Amino acid sequence: MVLASALLPASLGDTIDSFLDAAGEFFSHLAAINWLSLALGLGCFGLYLLLRSRALFNALRAAYPHAEMQWRRVWGAYAVAYGLNNLLPASAGNVGQLYLTKNSIRGSTYPAITSALATGAIVDGIVSTGVLAFAFTQGIFPKPSDFADLGAFDLAFVGRHPQLTVFILTVLVVIVLVAFAILSVRVRAFWQRVRQGLTILGDRRRYFAQMVSWQL
């Protein structure tokens, strides 16, 4: 008991010292920032979000041509997702984006909204594949065996627990299959809504003019 009471203040003191050291280092780096470059970078990133949200807005408008929707609300939901994804793991901010986007379009459904927003991943996948291929050829991308030593929680977890990761993925696949079997009556309506969200992909000219051009 005496030992514990003695160690507790020491532990608290170490924690406070670590926090103060980290805070001092943070403010020292903050003072070294070129504020003009920071403002320029934030402006470019804000423009990036704005253009990307317009592409998503066009996909939603194709899925719901007669519904009233506002670009600023789609942009807001997209910005919220980006902000939360920098704080929460596993892209949890996308859930907030789905909720806010659905609420901004009267009569919309989650399957249609999800598939419409997912159309933006096509260009992302093509560009990312090229970037990753280049990174692998240059030897600057970590190998799967090195994931355990990375600072990113999700990649580190996969690297440290590969068997548990495979087990979790298998369980998720089984749950999805069982859910489809139980809800087989509603599957047809579900896929109809998914196809509704992918409407813009059926018009190649509209897809390139209203999505790919904004994304690029």
C-alpha atoms as a PDB file:
ATOM      1  CA  MET A   1       0.000   0.000   0.000  1.00  0.00           C
ATOM      2  CA  VAL A   2       2.821   2.355   0.952  1.00  0.00           C
ATOM      3  CA  LEU A   3       4.702   1.459  -2.208  1.00  0.00           C
ATOM      4  CA  ALA A   4       1.604   2.101  -4.357  1.00  0.00           C
ATOM      5  CA  SER A   5       0.977   5.451  -2.685  1.00  0.00           C
ATOM      6  CA  ALA A   6       4.569   6.418  -3.367  1.00  0.00           C
ATOM      7  CA  LEU A   7       4.530   5.275  -6.996  1.00  0.00           C
ATOM      8  CA  LEU A   8       1.274   7.079  -7.844  1.00  0.00           C
ATOM      9  CA  PRO A   9       2.633  10.642  -7.402  1.00  0.00           C
ATOM     10  CA  ALA A  10       5.802   9.637  -9.278  1.00  0.00           C
ATOM     11  CA  SER A  11       3.731   8.258 -12.162  1.00  0.00           C
ATOM     12  CA  LEU A  12       1.590  11.390 -12.276  1.00  0.00           C
ATOM     13  CA  GLY A  13       4.703  13.530 -12.220  1.00  0.00           C
ATOM     14  CA  ASP A  14       6.211  11.618 -15.144  1.00  0.00           C
ATOM     15  CA  THR A  15       2.945  11.959 -17.076  1.00  0.00           C
ATOM     16  CA  ILE A  16       2.815  15.701 -16.489  1.00  0.00           C
ATOM     17  CA  ASP A  17       6.461  16.098 -17.454  1.00  0.00           C
ATOM     18  CA  SER A  18       5.889  14.118 -20.659  1.00  0.00           C
ATOM     19  CA  PHE A  19       2.865  16.233 -21.495  1.00  0.00           C
ATOM     20  CA  LEU A  20       4.734  19.487 -20.898  1.00  0.00           C
ATOM     21  CA  ASP A  21       7.674  18.290 -22.994  1.00  0.00           C
ATOM     22  CA  ALA A  22       5.336  17.322 -25.838  1.00  0.00           C
ATOM     23  CA  ALA A  23       3.485  20.643 -25.574  1.00  0.00           C
ATOM     24  CA  GLY A  24       6.752  22.579 -25.643  1.00  0.00           C
ATOM     25  CA  GLU A  25       7.937  20.661 -28.696  1.00  0.00           C
ATOM     26  CA  PHE A  26       4.587  21.267 -30.408  1.00  0.00           C
ATOM     27  CA  PHE A  27       4.704  25.021 -29.845  1.00  0.00           C
ATOM     28  CA  SER A  28       8.340  25.193 -30.916  1.00  0.00           C
ATOM     29  CA  HIS A  29       7.420  23.522 -34.220  1.00  0.00           C
ATOM     30  CA  LEU A  30       4.374  25.776 -34.479  1.00  0.00           C
ATOM     31  CA  ALA A  31       6.550  28.857 -34.164  1.00  0.00           C
ATOM     32  CA  ALA A  32       8.754  27.620 -37.012  1.00  0.00           C
ATOM     33  CA  ILE A  33       5.841  27.348 -39.448  1.00  0.00           C
ATOM     34  CA  ASN A  34       5.810  29.597 -42.480  1.00  0.00           C
ATOM     35  CA  TRP A  35       2.311  31.021 -42.121  1.00  0.00           C
ATOM     36  CA  LEU A  36       2.077  32.060 -45.758  1.00  0.00           C
ATOM     37  CA  SER A  37       2.834  28.495 -46.860  1.00  0.00           C
ATOM     38  CA  LEU A  38       0.357  27.154 -44.316  1.00  0.00           C
ATOM     39  CA  ALA A  39      -2.383  29.470 -45.565  1.00  0.00           C
ATOM     40  CA  LEU A  40      -1.613  28.513 -49.164  1.00  0.00           C
ATOM     41  CA  GLY A  41      -1.702  24.815 -48.290  1.00  0.00           C
ATOM     42  CA  LEU A  42      -5.005  25.133 -46.422  1.00  0.00           C
ATOM     43  CA  GLY A  43      -6.470  27.097 -49.316  1.00  0.00           C
ATOM     44  CA  CYS A  44      -5.457  24.410 -51.816  1.00  0.00           C
ATOM     45  CA  PHE A  45      -6.818  21.666 -49.585  1.00  0.00           C
ATOM     46  CA  GLY A  46     -10.102  23.542 -49.151  1.00  0.00           C
ATOM     47  CA  LEU A  47     -10.342  23.892 -52.933  1.00  0.00           C
ATOM     48  CA  TYR A  48      -9.649  20.172 -53.274  1.00  0.00           C
ATOM     49  CA  LEU A  49     -12.552  19.333 -50.951  1.00  0.00           C
ATOM     50  CA  LEU A  50     -14.792  21.768 -52.793  1.00  0.00           C
ATOM     51  CA  LEU A  51     -14.096  20.259 -56.223  1.00  0.00           C
ATOM     52  CA  ARG A  52     -14.402  16.688 -54.955  1.00  0.00           C
ATOM     53  CA  SER A  53     -17.718  17.458 -53.287  1.00  0.00           C
ATOM     54  CA  ARG A  54     -19.039  18.827 -56.581  1.00  0.00           C
ATOM     55  CA  ALA A  55     -18.278  15.506 -58.260  1.00  0.00           C
ATOM     56  CA  LEU A  56     -20.178  13.667 -55.511  1.00  0.00           C
ATOM     57  CA  PHE A  57     -23.026  16.159 -55.767  1.00  0.00           C
ATOM     58  CA  ASN A  58     -23.336  15.411 -59.491  1.00  0.00           C
ATOM     59  CA  ALA A  59     -23.487  11.668 -58.771  1.00  0.00           C
ATOM     60  CA  LEU A  60     -26.258  12.244 -56.212  1.00  0.00           C
ATOM     61  CA  ARG A  61     -28.131  14.513 -58.587  1.00  0.00           C
ATOM     62  CA  ALA A  62     -28.044  11.791 -61.250  1.00  0.00           C
ATOM     63  CA  ALA A  63     -29.466   9.307 -58.742  1.00  0.00           C
ATOM     64  CA  TYR A  64     -32.184  11.722 -57.579  1.00  0.00           C
ATOM     65  CA  PRO A  65     -32.897  13.979 -60.574  1.00  0.00           C
ATOM     66  CA  HIS A  66     -36.183  15.294 -59.179  1.00  0.00           C
ATOM     67  CA  ALA A  67     -35.124  15.784 -55.558  1.00  0.00           C
ATOM     68  CA  GLU A  68     -34.099  19.131 -54.113  1.00  0.00           C
ATOM     69  CA  MET A  69     -30.532  19.118 -52.866  1.00  0.00           C
ATOM     70  CA  GLN A  70     -27.918  21.715 -52.013  1.00  0.00           C
ATOM     71  CA  TRP A  71     -24.276  21.486 -52.974  1.00  0.00           C
ATOM     72  CA  ARG A  72     -23.162  23.171 -49.747  1.00  0.00           C
ATOM     73  CA  ARG A  73     -24.749  20.427 -47.644  1.00  0.00           C
ATOM     74  CA  VAL A  74     -23.029  17.691 -49.651  1.00  0.00           C
ATOM     75  CA  TRP A  75     -19.765  19.619 -49.289  1.00  0.00           C
ATOM     76  CA  GLY A  76     -20.341  20.002 -45.540  1.00  0.00           C
ATOM     77  CA  ALA A  77     -20.902  16.278 -45.092  1.00  0.00           C
ATOM     78  CA  TYR A  78     -17.735  15.543 -47.070  1.00  0.00           C
ATOM     79  CA  ALA A  79     -15.688  17.993 -45.007  1.00  0.00           C
ATOM     80  CA  VAL A  80     -17.028  16.452 -41.781  1.00  0.00           C
ATOM     81  CA  ALA A  81     -15.978  13.005 -43.001  1.00  0.00           C
ATOM     82  CA  TYR A  82     -12.442  14.211 -43.717  1.00  0.00           C
ATOM     83  CA  GLY A  83     -12.194  15.844 -40.300  1.00  0.00           C
ATOM     84  CA  LEU A  84     -13.428  12.782 -38.402  1.00  0.00           C
ATOM     85  CA  ASN A  85     -11.256  10.397 -40.402  1.00  0.00           C
ATOM     86  CA  ASN A  86      -8.197  12.271 -39.122  1.00  0.00           C
ATOM     87  CA  LEU A  87      -9.313  11.601 -35.546  1.00  0.00           C
ATOM     88  CA  LEU A  88     -11.058   8.215 -35.654  1.00  0.00           C
ATOM     89  CA  PRO A  89      -9.693   4.936 -37.088  1.00  0.00           C
ATOM     90  CA  ALA A  90     -11.167   2.773 -39.862  1.00  0.00           C
ATOM     91  CA  SER A  91     -12.644   5.741 -41.789  1.00  0.00           C
ATOM     92  CA  ALA A  92     -15.387   6.199 -39.204  1.00  0.00           C
ATOM     93  CA  GLY A  93     -16.043   9.687 -40.584  1.00  0.00           C
ATOM     94  CA  ASN A  94     -17.663   8.120 -43.649  1.00  0.00           C
ATOM     95  CA  VAL A  95     -20.571   7.041 -41.448  1.00  0.00           C
ATOM     96  CA  GLY A  96     -21.157  10.664 -40.530  1.00  0.00           C
ATOM     97  CA  GLN A  97     -20.974  11.622 -44.203  1.00  0.00           C
ATOM     98  CA  LEU A  98     -23.639   9.056 -45.099  1.00  0.00           C
ATOM     99  CA  TYR A  99     -25.936  10.241 -42.320  1.00  0.00           C
ATOM    100  CA  LEU A 100     -25.588  13.938 -43.143  1.00  0.00           C
ATOM    101  CA  THR A 101     -25.893  13.397 -46.902  1.00  0.00           C
ATOM    102  CA  LYS A 102     -29.005  11.255 -46.559  1.00  0.00           C
ATOM    103  CA  ASN A 103     -30.660  13.829 -44.328  1.00  0.00           C
ATOM    104  CA  SER A 104     -29.945  16.537 -46.899  1.00  0.00           C
ATOM    105  CA  ILE A 105     -31.958  14.740 -49.631  1.00  0.00           C
ATOM    106  CA  ARG A 106     -35.601  14.078 -48.861  1.00  0.00           C
ATOM    107  CA  GLY A 107     -36.770  10.562 -49.682  1.00  0.00           C
ATOM    108  CA  SER A 108     -33.260   9.190 -50.178  1.00  0.00           C
ATOM    109  CA  THR A 109     -32.084   5.792 -48.973  1.00  0.00           C
ATOM    110  CA  TYR A 110     -28.788   4.635 -47.533  1.00  0.00           C
ATOM    111  CA  PRO A 111     -28.043   2.040 -50.274  1.00  0.00           C
ATOM    112  CA  ALA A 112     -28.507   4.629 -53.040  1.00  0.00           C
ATOM    113  CA  ILE A 113     -26.543   7.311 -51.179  1.00  0.00           C
ATOM    114  CA  THR A 114     -23.720   4.878 -50.383  1.00  0.00           C
ATOM    115  CA  SER A 115     -23.377   3.656 -53.970  1.00  0.00           C
ATOM    116  CA  ALA A 116     -23.570   7.202 -55.352  1.00  0.00           C
ATOM    117  CA  LEU A 117     -20.780   8.382 -53.061  1.00  0.00           C
ATOM    118  CA  ALA A 118     -18.764   5.261 -53.901  1.00  0.00           C
ATOM    119  CA  THR A 119     -18.618   6.213 -57.580  1.00  0.00           C
ATOM    120  CA  GLY A 120     -15.873   8.667 -56.683  1.00  0.00           C
ATOM    121  CA  ALA A 121     -13.659   5.737 -55.704  1.00  0.00           C
ATOM    122  CA  ILE A 122     -13.203   4.661 -59.329  1.00  0.00           C
ATOM    123  CA  VAL A 123     -10.832   7.497 -60.207  1.00  0.00           C
ATOM    124  CA  ASP A 124      -9.241   7.226 -56.765  1.00  0.00           C
ATOM    125  CA  GLY A 125      -8.541   3.537 -57.325  1.00  0.00           C
ATOM    126  CA  ILE A 126      -6.930   4.117 -60.716  1.00  0.00           C
ATOM    127  CA  VAL A 127      -4.725   6.955 -59.459  1.00  0.00           C
ATOM    128  CA  SER A 128      -3.831   5.124 -56.228  1.00  0.00           C
ATOM    129  CA  THR A 129      -2.862   1.978 -58.142  1.00  0.00           C
ATOM    130  CA  GLY A 130      -0.435   3.975 -60.243  1.00  0.00           C
ATOM    131  CA  VAL A 131       1.031   5.741 -57.207  1.00  0.00           C
ATOM    132  CA  LEU A 132       1.422   2.499 -55.232  1.00  0.00           C
ATOM    133  CA  ALA A 133       2.957   0.718 -58.219  1.00  0.00           C
ATOM    134  CA  PHE A 134       5.519   3.499 -58.508  1.00  0.00           C
ATOM    135  CA  ALA A 135       6.199   3.379 -54.749  1.00  0.00           C
ATOM    136  CA  PHE A 136       6.756  -0.390 -54.810  1.00  0.00           C
ATOM    137  CA  THR A 137       9.136  -0.184 -57.758  1.00  0.00           C
ATOM    138  CA  GLN A 138      11.177   2.488 -55.961  1.00  0.00           C
ATOM    139  CA  GLY A 139      11.335   0.479 -52.746  1.00  0.00           C
ATOM    140  CA  ILE A 140       9.875   3.326 -50.662  1.00  0.00           C
ATOM    141  CA  PHE A 141       6.669   1.550 -49.667  1.00  0.00           C
ATOM    142  CA  PRO A 142       6.821  -0.671 -46.548  1.00  0.00           C
ATOM    143  CA  LYS A 143       6.406  -4.397 -47.017  1.00  0.00           C
ATOM    144  CA  PRO A 144       3.536  -6.205 -45.225  1.00  0.00           C
ATOM    145  CA  SER A 145       6.082  -7.663 -42.807  1.00  0.00           C
ATOM    146  CA  ASP A 146       7.005  -4.104 -41.781  1.00  0.00           C
ATOM    147  CA  PHE A 147       3.415  -3.036 -40.975  1.00  0.00           C
ATOM    148  CA  ALA A 148       3.823  -4.002 -37.306  1.00  0.00           C
ATOM    149  CA  ASP A 149       6.425  -1.263 -36.836  1.00  0.00           C
ATOM    150  CA  LEU A 150       4.350   1.532 -38.382  1.00  0.00           C
ATOM    151  CA  GLY A 151       2.703   4.256 -36.331  1.00  0.00           C
ATOM    152  CA  ALA A 152      -0.688   3.778 -38.017  1.00  0.00           C
ATOM    153  CA  PHE A 153      -2.902   1.738 -35.689  1.00  0.00           C
ATOM    154  CA  ASP A 154      -4.830  -0.179 -38.358  1.00  0.00           C
ATOM    155  CA  LEU A 155      -1.763  -1.239 -40.392  1.00  0.00           C
ATOM    156  CA  ALA A 156       0.206  -2.055 -37.236  1.00  0.00           C
ATOM    157  CA  PHE A 157      -2.641  -4.241 -35.959  1.00  0.00           C
ATOM    158  CA  VAL A 158      -2.735  -6.205 -39.226  1.00  0.00           C
ATOM    159  CA  GLY A 159       1.021  -6.694 -39.112  1.00  0.00           C
ATOM    160  CA  ARG A 160       1.059  -7.853 -35.494  1.00  0.00           C
ATOM    161  CA  HIS A 161      -2.030 -10.062 -35.627  1.00  0.00           C
ATOM    162  CA  PRO A 162      -2.373 -11.509 -39.166  1.00  0.00           C
ATOM    163  CA  GLN A 163      -4.269 -14.634 -38.047  1.00  0.00           C
ATOM    164  CA  LEU A 164      -6.727 -12.622 -35.956  1.00  0.00           C
ATOM    165  CA  THR A 165      -7.230 -10.247 -38.879  1.00  0.00           C
ATOM    166  CA  VAL A 166      -8.059 -13.146 -41.223  1.00  0.00           C
ATOM    167  CA  PHE A 167     -10.446 -14.553 -38.615  1.00  0.00           C
ATOM    168  CA  ILE A 168     -12.238 -11.216 -38.216  1.00  0.00           C
ATOM    169  CA  LEU A 169     -12.577 -10.811 -41.988  1.00  0.00           C
ATOM    170  CA  THR A 170     -13.961 -14.348 -42.280  1.00  0.00           C
ATOM    171  CA  VAL A 171     -16.529 -13.692 -39.548  1.00  0.00           C
ATOM    172  CA  LEU A 172     -17.602 -10.469 -41.265  1.00  0.00           C
ATOM    173  CA  VAL A 173     -18.055 -12.274 -44.594  1.00  0.00           C
ATOM    174  CA  VAL A 174     -20.151 -14.985 -42.894  1.00  0.00           C
ATOM    175  CA  ILE A 175     -22.297 -12.343 -41.179  1.00  0.00           C
ATOM    176  CA  VAL A 176     -22.900 -10.595 -44.508  1.00  0.00           C
ATOM    177  CA  LEU A 177     -23.884 -13.865 -46.211  1.00  0.00           C
ATOM    178  CA  VAL A 178     -26.237 -14.801 -43.380  1.00  0.00           C
ATOM    179  CA  ALA A 179     -27.792 -11.339 -43.444  1.00  0.00           C
ATOM    180  CA  PHE A 180     -28.399 -11.653 -47.190  1.00  0.00           C
ATOM    181  CA  ALA A 181     -29.984 -15.072 -46.670  1.00  0.00           C
ATOM    182  CA  ILE A 182     -32.279 -13.797 -43.924  1.00  0.00           C
ATOM    183  CA  LEU A 183     -33.222 -10.644 -45.800  1.00  0.00           C
ATOM    184  CA  SER A 184     -33.550 -12.317 -49.197  1.00  0.00           C
ATOM    185  CA  VAL A 185     -37.027 -10.869 -49.627  1.00  0.00           C
ATOM    186  CA  ARG A 186     -35.631  -7.363 -49.493  1.00  0.00           C
ATOM    187  CA  VAL A 187     -32.481  -8.029 -51.500  1.00  0.00           C
ATOM    188  CA  ARG A 188     -34.123  -7.142 -54.816  1.00  0.00           C
ATOM    189  CA  ALA A 189     -35.277  -3.754 -53.538  1.00  0.00           C
ATOM    190  CA  PHE A 190     -31.835  -3.210 -51.997  1.00  0.00           C
ATOM    191  CA  TRP A 191     -30.026  -3.774 -55.302  1.00  0.00           C
ATOM    192  CA  GLN A 192     -32.479  -1.559 -57.125  1.00  0.00           C
ATOM    193  CA  ARG A 193     -31.504   1.258 -54.798  1.00  0.00           C
ATOM    194  CA  VAL A 194     -27.822   0.470 -55.245  1.00  0.00           C
ATOM    195  CA  ARG A 195     -28.246   0.664 -59.031  1.00  0.00           C
ATOM    196  CA  GLN A 196     -30.081   3.958 -58.556  1.00  0.00           C
ATOM    197  CA  GLY A 197     -26.994   5.381 -56.860  1.00  0.00           C
ATOM    198  CA  LEU A 198     -24.835   4.235 -59.782  1.00  0.00           C
ATOM    199  CA  THR A 199     -26.996   5.994 -62.369  1.00  0.00           C
ATOM    200  CA  ILE A 200     -24.259   8.386 -63.457  1.00  0.00           C
ATOM    201  CA  LEU A 201     -22.047   5.471 -64.526  1.00  0.00           C
ATOM    202  CA  GLY A 202     -24.619   4.515 -67.137  1.00  0.00           C
ATOM    203  CA  ASP A 203     -24.019   7.750 -69.036  1.00  0.00           C
ATOM    204  CA  ARG A 204     -20.337   7.769 -69.976  1.00  0.00           C
ATOM    205  CA  ARG A 205     -20.323  11.330 -71.286  1.00  0.00           C
ATOM    206  CA  ARG A 206     -22.046  12.665 -68.176  1.00  0.00           C
ATOM    207  CA  TYR A 207     -19.749  10.658 -65.913  1.00  0.00           C
ATOM    208  CA  PHE A 208     -16.573  12.090 -67.449  1.00  0.00           C
ATOM    209  CA  ALA A 209     -17.981  15.629 -67.688  1.00  0.00           C
ATOM    210  CA  GLN A 210     -19.561  15.854 -64.249  1.00  0.00           C
ATOM    211  CA  MET A 211     -17.395  13.553 -62.126  1.00  0.00           C
ATOM    212  CA  VAL A 212     -13.983  12.703 -63.562  1.00  0.00           C
ATOM    213  CA  SER A 213     -13.311  16.283 -64.675  1.00  0.00           C
ATOM    214  CA  TRP A 214     -14.088  17.645 -61.199  1.00  0.00           C
ATOM    215  CA  GLN A 215     -12.007  14.962 -59.493  1.00  0.00           C
ATOM    216  CA  LEU A 216      -8.984  15.508 -61.692  1.00  0.00           C
END
